[in-house]
């Protein structure tokens, strides 16, 4: 199926690994030109190098970074059609999951909201004037099923993602009538470096449950979270939904939230 993305210009944040890397690869495969934003490029992103890919090194905790990335996209390719706000999760230097409300200090809350919400606000603010010039503009914000499933861990992250999902619907109400669709994709647990890296979520959960990281990744986490499929999602499975929403093929989809969560959410 032709996604109608040939020649379109997209900015993708958190682009060097995991879901963001899969989104970049898929957009390139669909003929888009991509500005990949991350603190460092990484070997897998470097392997995609070519005339349709520009890497912008940026720390999105820097208030000026989102606008710089957008402007570099317009300078490189002359336009902007798609913004994928994928960067999120633990801010630089933080590790999740974190258990218990009382373990979180004010700085933890501020940093998580800065990274997961305020950086998105800045990116959208910078992108909107350019997106309004596109004939098929789309913003896709990567949220989380935890926005809809409160629990006794990652209070700050869950609240930030709930704010992001709410923000997305508000942006759609204002800008979809002007031609800019805005949607969220909400992953459940995905087999990304957040889980698989040494000291990542798999190791933390293994330590808390008396298990080991391989057992967590190969079924323990899925069982603990009651995942219907019995496994974590793969980054490509999330990226496919992100790219569909970015595409003009989704021209009547806006203000929506798509869960890619292995059956984590049970609510109707």
C-alpha atoms as a PDB file:
ATOM      1  CA  UNK A   1       0.000   0.000   0.000  1.00  0.00           C
ATOM      2  CA  UNK A   2       1.373   3.388  -1.036  1.00  0.00           C
ATOM      3  CA  UNK A   3       1.365   5.556   2.090  1.00  0.00           C
ATOM      4  CA  UNK A   4       1.589   8.802   0.130  1.00  0.00           C
ATOM      5  CA  UNK A   5       4.732   9.889   1.953  1.00  0.00           C
ATOM      6  CA  UNK A   6       7.128  10.169  -0.990  1.00  0.00           C
ATOM      7  CA  UNK A   7       8.864  13.541  -0.811  1.00  0.00           C
ATOM      8  CA  UNK A   8       7.239  14.472   2.489  1.00  0.00           C
ATOM      9  CA  UNK A   9       9.467  15.888   5.232  1.00  0.00           C
ATOM     10  CA  UNK A  10       9.308  14.524   8.764  1.00  0.00           C
ATOM     11  CA  UNK A  11      11.004  15.366  12.050  1.00  0.00           C
ATOM     12  CA  UNK A  12      11.347  12.421  14.449  1.00  0.00           C
ATOM     13  CA  UNK A  13      12.623  12.863  17.995  1.00  0.00           C
ATOM     14  CA  UNK A  14      14.283  10.117  20.027  1.00  0.00           C
ATOM     15  CA  UNK A  15      15.393   8.746  16.676  1.00  0.00           C
ATOM     16  CA  UNK A  16      18.563   6.801  17.417  1.00  0.00           C
ATOM     17  CA  UNK A  17      17.078   3.620  18.872  1.00  0.00           C
ATOM     18  CA  UNK A  18      13.931   1.715  19.707  1.00  0.00           C
ATOM     19  CA  UNK A  19      10.621   3.025  18.389  1.00  0.00           C
ATOM     20  CA  UNK A  20      12.138   6.226  17.014  1.00  0.00           C
ATOM     21  CA  UNK A  21      14.716   4.359  14.955  1.00  0.00           C
ATOM     22  CA  UNK A  22      12.009   2.076  13.563  1.00  0.00           C
ATOM     23  CA  UNK A  23       9.901   5.119  12.639  1.00  0.00           C
ATOM     24  CA  UNK A  24      12.839   6.732  10.838  1.00  0.00           C
ATOM     25  CA  UNK A  25      13.595   3.540   8.906  1.00  0.00           C
ATOM     26  CA  UNK A  26       9.952   3.097   7.912  1.00  0.00           C
ATOM     27  CA  UNK A  27       9.527   6.697   6.796  1.00  0.00           C
ATOM     28  CA  UNK A  28      12.649   6.419   4.655  1.00  0.00           C
ATOM     29  CA  UNK A  29      11.354   3.179   3.153  1.00  0.00           C
ATOM     30  CA  UNK A  30       8.160   5.059   2.259  1.00  0.00           C
ATOM     31  CA  UNK A  31      10.123   7.733   0.402  1.00  0.00           C
ATOM     32  CA  UNK A  32       9.995  10.473   3.034  1.00  0.00           C
ATOM     33  CA  UNK A  33      12.843  12.798   3.883  1.00  0.00           C
ATOM     34  CA  UNK A  34      13.626  12.621   7.582  1.00  0.00           C
ATOM     35  CA  UNK A  35      15.310  14.783  10.172  1.00  0.00           C
ATOM     36  CA  UNK A  36      16.272  12.446  13.008  1.00  0.00           C
ATOM     37  CA  UNK A  37      16.725  14.128  16.377  1.00  0.00           C
ATOM     38  CA  UNK A  38      18.694  12.511  19.197  1.00  0.00           C
ATOM     39  CA  UNK A  39      21.552  13.317  21.517  1.00  0.00           C
ATOM     40  CA  UNK A  40      23.844  10.941  19.593  1.00  0.00           C
ATOM     41  CA  UNK A  41      23.259   9.215  16.239  1.00  0.00           C
ATOM     42  CA  UNK A  42      24.220   5.618  17.083  1.00  0.00           C
ATOM     43  CA  UNK A  43      25.448   2.916  14.726  1.00  0.00           C
ATOM     44  CA  UNK A  44      21.987   1.782  13.590  1.00  0.00           C
ATOM     45  CA  UNK A  45      20.943   5.310  12.643  1.00  0.00           C
ATOM     46  CA  UNK A  46      24.285   5.880  10.923  1.00  0.00           C
ATOM     47  CA  UNK A  47      23.580   2.799   8.812  1.00  0.00           C
ATOM     48  CA  UNK A  48      20.558   4.587   7.313  1.00  0.00           C
ATOM     49  CA  UNK A  49      22.654   7.540   6.105  1.00  0.00           C
ATOM     50  CA  UNK A  50      21.747   8.954   2.718  1.00  0.00           C
ATOM     51  CA  UNK A  51      20.452  12.056   0.958  1.00  0.00           C
ATOM     52  CA  UNK A  52      17.010  11.765   2.570  1.00  0.00           C
ATOM     53  CA  UNK A  53      18.276  11.633   6.164  1.00  0.00           C
ATOM     54  CA  UNK A  54      19.701  14.423   8.315  1.00  0.00           C
ATOM     55  CA  UNK A  55      20.698  13.889  11.937  1.00  0.00           C
ATOM     56  CA  UNK A  56      20.307  16.789  14.355  1.00  0.00           C
ATOM     57  CA  UNK A  57      22.155  16.250  17.649  1.00  0.00           C
ATOM     58  CA  UNK A  58      20.009  17.736  20.395  1.00  0.00           C
ATOM     59  CA  UNK A  59      19.178  17.328  24.068  1.00  0.00           C
ATOM     60  CA  UNK A  60      15.466  18.030  24.311  1.00  0.00           C
ATOM     61  CA  UNK A  61      15.891  19.161  27.924  1.00  0.00           C
ATOM     62  CA  UNK A  62      17.467  22.258  26.345  1.00  0.00           C
ATOM     63  CA  UNK A  63      14.574  24.723  25.846  1.00  0.00           C
ATOM     64  CA  UNK A  64      15.941  25.838  22.473  1.00  0.00           C
ATOM     65  CA  UNK A  65      16.550  22.367  21.043  1.00  0.00           C
ATOM     66  CA  UNK A  66      13.092  21.554  19.617  1.00  0.00           C
ATOM     67  CA  UNK A  67      12.900  24.799  17.651  1.00  0.00           C
ATOM     68  CA  UNK A  68      16.448  24.302  16.329  1.00  0.00           C
ATOM     69  CA  UNK A  69      15.544  20.845  15.084  1.00  0.00           C
ATOM     70  CA  UNK A  70      12.455  22.109  13.280  1.00  0.00           C
ATOM     71  CA  UNK A  71      14.336  24.977  11.689  1.00  0.00           C
ATOM     72  CA  UNK A  72      17.126  22.663  10.524  1.00  0.00           C
ATOM     73  CA  UNK A  73      14.518  20.446   8.871  1.00  0.00           C
ATOM     74  CA  UNK A  74      13.089  23.379   6.952  1.00  0.00           C
ATOM     75  CA  UNK A  75      16.588  24.572   6.007  1.00  0.00           C
ATOM     76  CA  UNK A  76      17.592  21.105   4.806  1.00  0.00           C
ATOM     77  CA  UNK A  77      14.446  20.157   2.888  1.00  0.00           C
ATOM     78  CA  UNK A  78      12.439  23.362   2.441  1.00  0.00           C
ATOM     79  CA  UNK A  79       9.262  22.299   4.200  1.00  0.00           C
ATOM     80  CA  UNK A  80       7.737  20.282   7.025  1.00  0.00           C
ATOM     81  CA  UNK A  81       4.825  17.849   6.770  1.00  0.00           C
ATOM     82  CA  UNK A  82       5.148  15.490   9.727  1.00  0.00           C
ATOM     83  CA  UNK A  83       6.270  15.823  13.337  1.00  0.00           C
ATOM     84  CA  UNK A  84       6.715  12.654  15.390  1.00  0.00           C
ATOM     85  CA  UNK A  85       7.319  13.424  19.055  1.00  0.00           C
ATOM     86  CA  UNK A  86       8.713  10.057  20.068  1.00  0.00           C
ATOM     87  CA  UNK A  87      11.320  11.057  22.676  1.00  0.00           C
ATOM     88  CA  UNK A  88      10.090  10.313  26.159  1.00  0.00           C
ATOM     89  CA  UNK A  89      10.412   8.059  29.140  1.00  0.00           C
ATOM     90  CA  UNK A  90      13.135   8.629  31.733  1.00  0.00           C
ATOM     91  CA  UNK A  91      14.854  11.979  31.264  1.00  0.00           C
ATOM     92  CA  UNK A  92      18.634  11.857  30.846  1.00  0.00           C
ATOM     93  CA  UNK A  93      20.219  10.421  33.984  1.00  0.00           C
ATOM     94  CA  UNK A  94      17.029   8.859  35.362  1.00  0.00           C
ATOM     95  CA  UNK A  95      16.170   5.160  35.470  1.00  0.00           C
ATOM     96  CA  UNK A  96      12.704   3.588  35.468  1.00  0.00           C
ATOM     97  CA  UNK A  97      10.661   1.883  36.741  1.00  0.00           C
ATOM     98  CA  UNK A  98      10.507   3.744  40.037  1.00  0.00           C
ATOM     99  CA  UNK A  99       8.345   2.322  42.784  1.00  0.00           C
ATOM    100  CA  UNK A 100       6.186   4.301  45.205  1.00  0.00           C
ATOM    101  CA  UNK A 101       4.910   7.859  45.330  1.00  0.00           C
ATOM    102  CA  UNK A 102       7.153   8.941  48.216  1.00  0.00           C
ATOM    103  CA  UNK A 103      10.341   8.023  46.361  1.00  0.00           C
ATOM    104  CA  UNK A 104       9.863  10.958  43.976  1.00  0.00           C
ATOM    105  CA  UNK A 105      11.261  14.404  44.747  1.00  0.00           C
ATOM    106  CA  UNK A 106      10.206  17.688  43.146  1.00  0.00           C
ATOM    107  CA  UNK A 107      13.127  17.518  40.717  1.00  0.00           C
ATOM    108  CA  UNK A 108      11.983  14.082  39.531  1.00  0.00           C
ATOM    109  CA  UNK A 109       8.532  15.443  38.714  1.00  0.00           C
ATOM    110  CA  UNK A 110       9.914  18.534  37.002  1.00  0.00           C
ATOM    111  CA  UNK A 111      12.380  16.614  34.864  1.00  0.00           C
ATOM    112  CA  UNK A 112       9.856  14.009  33.724  1.00  0.00           C
ATOM    113  CA  UNK A 113       7.311  16.661  32.759  1.00  0.00           C
ATOM    114  CA  UNK A 114      10.009  18.742  31.059  1.00  0.00           C
ATOM    115  CA  UNK A 115      11.090  15.798  28.931  1.00  0.00           C
ATOM    116  CA  UNK A 116       7.723  14.171  28.204  1.00  0.00           C
ATOM    117  CA  UNK A 117       5.410  17.184  27.957  1.00  0.00           C
ATOM    118  CA  UNK A 118       7.166  20.544  27.788  1.00  0.00           C
ATOM    119  CA  UNK A 119       9.641  19.429  25.105  1.00  0.00           C
ATOM    120  CA  UNK A 120       6.670  18.293  23.009  1.00  0.00           C
ATOM    121  CA  UNK A 121       4.950  21.643  23.541  1.00  0.00           C
ATOM    122  CA  UNK A 122       8.078  23.409  22.300  1.00  0.00           C
ATOM    123  CA  UNK A 123       8.392  21.166  19.252  1.00  0.00           C
ATOM    124  CA  UNK A 124       4.749  21.619  18.267  1.00  0.00           C
ATOM    125  CA  UNK A 125       4.968  25.369  18.812  1.00  0.00           C
ATOM    126  CA  UNK A 126       7.945  25.552  16.468  1.00  0.00           C
ATOM    127  CA  UNK A 127       6.429  23.203  13.880  1.00  0.00           C
ATOM    128  CA  UNK A 128       2.904  24.607  13.570  1.00  0.00           C
ATOM    129  CA  UNK A 129       3.745  27.610  11.325  1.00  0.00           C
ATOM    130  CA  UNK A 130       5.422  25.235   8.853  1.00  0.00           C
ATOM    131  CA  UNK A 131       2.834  22.461   9.129  1.00  0.00           C
ATOM    132  CA  UNK A 132       0.058  24.927   8.309  1.00  0.00           C
ATOM    133  CA  UNK A 133       1.681  25.357   4.882  1.00  0.00           C
ATOM    134  CA  UNK A 134       1.500  21.624   4.138  1.00  0.00           C
ATOM    135  CA  UNK A 135      -1.398  20.058   2.262  1.00  0.00           C
ATOM    136  CA  UNK A 136      -1.256  16.928   4.438  1.00  0.00           C
ATOM    137  CA  UNK A 137       0.225  17.801   7.819  1.00  0.00           C
ATOM    138  CA  UNK A 138       0.335  15.411  10.741  1.00  0.00           C
ATOM    139  CA  UNK A 139       1.623  15.388  14.301  1.00  0.00           C
ATOM    140  CA  UNK A 140       1.985  12.028  16.043  1.00  0.00           C
ATOM    141  CA  UNK A 141       2.789  12.081  19.744  1.00  0.00           C
ATOM    142  CA  UNK A 142       4.024   8.857  21.309  1.00  0.00           C
ATOM    143  CA  UNK A 143       2.257   8.587  24.652  1.00  0.00           C
ATOM    144  CA  UNK A 144       1.769   5.420  26.735  1.00  0.00           C
ATOM    145  CA  UNK A 145      -0.983   3.112  27.883  1.00  0.00           C
ATOM    146  CA  UNK A 146       0.089   4.159  31.367  1.00  0.00           C
ATOM    147  CA  UNK A 147      -1.694   7.443  30.661  1.00  0.00           C
ATOM    148  CA  UNK A 148      -4.887   5.411  31.098  1.00  0.00           C
ATOM    149  CA  UNK A 149      -3.747   2.847  33.662  1.00  0.00           C
ATOM    150  CA  UNK A 150      -2.655   4.373  36.985  1.00  0.00           C
ATOM    151  CA  UNK A 151      -0.512   2.205  39.215  1.00  0.00           C
ATOM    152  CA  UNK A 152       1.859   2.307  42.198  1.00  0.00           C
ATOM    153  CA  UNK A 153       4.978   2.915  40.118  1.00  0.00           C
ATOM    154  CA  UNK A 154       6.220   5.680  37.810  1.00  0.00           C
ATOM    155  CA  UNK A 155       3.671   8.161  39.143  1.00  0.00           C
ATOM    156  CA  UNK A 156       5.472  11.046  37.462  1.00  0.00           C
ATOM    157  CA  UNK A 157       5.767   9.342  34.075  1.00  0.00           C
ATOM    158  CA  UNK A 158       2.160   8.143  34.069  1.00  0.00           C
ATOM    159  CA  UNK A 159       0.873  11.624  34.911  1.00  0.00           C
ATOM    160  CA  UNK A 160       3.079  13.199  32.242  1.00  0.00           C
ATOM    161  CA  UNK A 161       1.796  10.825  29.577  1.00  0.00           C
ATOM    162  CA  UNK A 162      -1.790  11.502  30.634  1.00  0.00           C
ATOM    163  CA  UNK A 163      -1.048  15.189  30.138  1.00  0.00           C
ATOM    164  CA  UNK A 164       0.430  14.454  26.701  1.00  0.00           C
ATOM    165  CA  UNK A 165      -2.653  12.513  25.603  1.00  0.00           C
ATOM    166  CA  UNK A 166      -4.892  15.336  26.799  1.00  0.00           C
ATOM    167  CA  UNK A 167      -2.705  17.928  25.059  1.00  0.00           C
ATOM    168  CA  UNK A 168      -2.930  15.966  21.813  1.00  0.00           C
ATOM    169  CA  UNK A 169      -6.715  16.016  21.785  1.00  0.00           C
ATOM    170  CA  UNK A 170      -6.731  19.743  22.487  1.00  0.00           C
ATOM    171  CA  UNK A 171      -4.263  20.396  19.668  1.00  0.00           C
ATOM    172  CA  UNK A 172      -6.444  18.385  17.310  1.00  0.00           C
ATOM    173  CA  UNK A 173      -9.473  20.478  18.192  1.00  0.00           C
ATOM    174  CA  UNK A 174      -7.624  23.680  17.338  1.00  0.00           C
ATOM    175  CA  UNK A 175      -5.539  22.649  14.349  1.00  0.00           C
ATOM    176  CA  UNK A 176      -7.334  19.817  12.536  1.00  0.00           C
ATOM    177  CA  UNK A 177      -9.823  22.321  11.075  1.00  0.00           C
ATOM    178  CA  UNK A 178      -6.755  24.123   9.696  1.00  0.00           C
ATOM    179  CA  UNK A 179      -5.333  20.984   8.103  1.00  0.00           C
ATOM    180  CA  UNK A 180      -2.996  19.651  10.801  1.00  0.00           C
ATOM    181  CA  UNK A 181      -4.078  16.291  12.184  1.00  0.00           C
ATOM    182  CA  UNK A 182      -2.833  15.403  15.678  1.00  0.00           C
ATOM    183  CA  UNK A 183      -2.975  11.891  17.166  1.00  0.00           C
ATOM    184  CA  UNK A 184      -1.306   9.757  19.796  1.00  0.00           C
ATOM    185  CA  UNK A 185       0.083   6.257  19.674  1.00  0.00           C
ATOM    186  CA  UNK A 186       0.209   4.667  23.105  1.00  0.00           C
ATOM    187  CA  UNK A 187       2.578   1.715  23.367  1.00  0.00           C
ATOM    188  CA  UNK A 188       2.521  -0.807  26.134  1.00  0.00           C
ATOM    189  CA  UNK A 189       5.794  -2.479  27.093  1.00  0.00           C
ATOM    190  CA  UNK A 190       8.047  -2.583  24.022  1.00  0.00           C
ATOM    191  CA  UNK A 191      11.286  -4.531  23.653  1.00  0.00           C
ATOM    192  CA  UNK A 192      13.486  -1.425  23.397  1.00  0.00           C
ATOM    193  CA  UNK A 193      16.787  -0.507  25.075  1.00  0.00           C
ATOM    194  CA  UNK A 194      14.742   0.962  27.941  1.00  0.00           C
ATOM    195  CA  UNK A 195      13.966  -2.663  28.781  1.00  0.00           C
ATOM    196  CA  UNK A 196      16.977  -4.503  27.443  1.00  0.00           C
ATOM    197  CA  UNK A 197      19.965  -2.311  28.339  1.00  0.00           C
ATOM    198  CA  UNK A 198      22.078  -3.300  31.334  1.00  0.00           C
ATOM    199  CA  UNK A 199      20.489  -1.656  34.368  1.00  0.00           C
ATOM    200  CA  UNK A 200      17.240  -1.116  32.438  1.00  0.00           C
ATOM    201  CA  UNK A 201      13.668  -2.088  33.259  1.00  0.00           C
ATOM    202  CA  UNK A 202      14.259  -5.829  32.910  1.00  0.00           C
ATOM    203  CA  UNK A 203      17.103  -5.756  35.444  1.00  0.00           C
ATOM    204  CA  UNK A 204      15.155  -3.531  37.844  1.00  0.00           C
ATOM    205  CA  UNK A 205      12.056  -5.730  37.727  1.00  0.00           C
ATOM    206  CA  UNK A 206      14.185  -8.854  38.068  1.00  0.00           C
ATOM    207  CA  UNK A 207      15.796  -7.398  41.178  1.00  0.00           C
ATOM    208  CA  UNK A 208      12.440  -6.440  42.672  1.00  0.00           C
ATOM    209  CA  UNK A 209      10.847  -9.839  42.009  1.00  0.00           C
ATOM    210  CA  UNK A 210      13.769 -12.165  42.654  1.00  0.00           C
ATOM    211  CA  UNK A 211      13.886 -13.216  39.016  1.00  0.00           C
ATOM    212  CA  UNK A 212      16.477 -12.714  36.282  1.00  0.00           C
ATOM    213  CA  UNK A 213      16.493 -10.400  33.259  1.00  0.00           C
ATOM    214  CA  UNK A 214      16.034 -13.128  30.646  1.00  0.00           C
ATOM    215  CA  UNK A 215      13.026 -14.526  32.467  1.00  0.00           C
ATOM    216  CA  UNK A 216      11.528 -11.041  32.671  1.00  0.00           C
ATOM    217  CA  UNK A 217      12.050 -10.335  28.971  1.00  0.00           C
ATOM    218  CA  UNK A 218      10.962 -13.772  27.775  1.00  0.00           C
ATOM    219  CA  UNK A 219       7.655 -13.924  29.591  1.00  0.00           C
ATOM    220  CA  UNK A 220       7.858 -12.709  33.167  1.00  0.00           C
ATOM    221  CA  UNK A 221       6.989  -9.114  32.338  1.00  0.00           C
ATOM    222  CA  UNK A 222       4.169 -10.201  30.044  1.00  0.00           C
ATOM    223  CA  UNK A 223       2.710 -12.404  32.759  1.00  0.00           C
ATOM    224  CA  UNK A 224       3.063  -9.694  35.410  1.00  0.00           C
ATOM    225  CA  UNK A 225       1.269  -7.181  33.170  1.00  0.00           C
ATOM    226  CA  UNK A 226      -1.333  -9.667  31.898  1.00  0.00           C
ATOM    227  CA  UNK A 227      -0.366  -9.079  28.275  1.00  0.00           C
ATOM    228  CA  UNK A 228      -2.848 -10.961  26.126  1.00  0.00           C
ATOM    229  CA  UNK A 229      -0.264 -11.823  23.458  1.00  0.00           C
ATOM    230  CA  UNK A 230       2.150 -13.166  26.062  1.00  0.00           C
ATOM    231  CA  UNK A 231       5.046 -10.991  24.892  1.00  0.00           C
ATOM    232  CA  UNK A 232       6.389  -7.464  24.710  1.00  0.00           C
ATOM    233  CA  UNK A 233       5.690  -5.549  21.512  1.00  0.00           C
ATOM    234  CA  UNK A 234       8.447  -4.971  18.968  1.00  0.00           C
ATOM    235  CA  UNK A 235       9.453  -1.402  18.003  1.00  0.00           C
ATOM    236  CA  UNK A 236       8.468  -1.985  14.377  1.00  0.00           C
ATOM    237  CA  UNK A 237       4.918  -2.849  15.415  1.00  0.00           C
ATOM    238  CA  UNK A 238       4.580   0.577  17.014  1.00  0.00           C
ATOM    239  CA  UNK A 239       6.363   2.333  14.158  1.00  0.00           C
ATOM    240  CA  UNK A 240       3.914   0.908  11.620  1.00  0.00           C
ATOM    241  CA  UNK A 241       1.004   2.583  13.410  1.00  0.00           C
ATOM    242  CA  UNK A 242       2.912   5.854  13.810  1.00  0.00           C
ATOM    243  CA  UNK A 243       3.679   5.979  10.087  1.00  0.00           C
ATOM    244  CA  UNK A 244       0.101   5.120   9.122  1.00  0.00           C
ATOM    245  CA  UNK A 245      -1.124   8.052  11.227  1.00  0.00           C
ATOM    246  CA  UNK A 246       1.535  10.297   9.695  1.00  0.00           C
ATOM    247  CA  UNK A 247       0.360   9.310   6.228  1.00  0.00           C
ATOM    248  CA  UNK A 248      -2.308  11.065   4.151  1.00  0.00           C
ATOM    249  CA  UNK A 249      -3.991   7.636   4.082  1.00  0.00           C
ATOM    250  CA  UNK A 250      -5.234   8.573   7.580  1.00  0.00           C
ATOM    251  CA  UNK A 251      -6.731  11.866   6.424  1.00  0.00           C
ATOM    252  CA  UNK A 252      -9.892  11.515   8.562  1.00  0.00           C
ATOM    253  CA  UNK A 253      -8.141  10.337  11.716  1.00  0.00           C
ATOM    254  CA  UNK A 254      -7.426  13.053  14.266  1.00  0.00           C
ATOM    255  CA  UNK A 255      -7.683  13.438  18.019  1.00  0.00           C
ATOM    256  CA  UNK A 256      -7.426   9.649  18.297  1.00  0.00           C
ATOM    257  CA  UNK A 257      -5.317   7.482  20.588  1.00  0.00           C
ATOM    258  CA  UNK A 258      -4.117   4.114  19.283  1.00  0.00           C
ATOM    259  CA  UNK A 259      -2.907   1.522  21.785  1.00  0.00           C
ATOM    260  CA  UNK A 260      -0.191  -0.866  20.611  1.00  0.00           C
ATOM    261  CA  UNK A 261       0.050  -2.709  23.883  1.00  0.00           C
ATOM    262  CA  UNK A 262      -0.049  -6.499  23.486  1.00  0.00           C
ATOM    263  CA  UNK A 263      -3.527  -6.418  25.054  1.00  0.00           C
ATOM    264  CA  UNK A 264      -2.453  -4.594  28.220  1.00  0.00           C
ATOM    265  CA  UNK A 265      -5.524  -2.336  28.366  1.00  0.00           C
ATOM    266  CA  UNK A 266      -8.642  -4.351  29.142  1.00  0.00           C
ATOM    267  CA  UNK A 267     -11.113  -1.478  29.416  1.00  0.00           C
ATOM    268  CA  UNK A 268     -13.835  -0.982  26.805  1.00  0.00           C
END
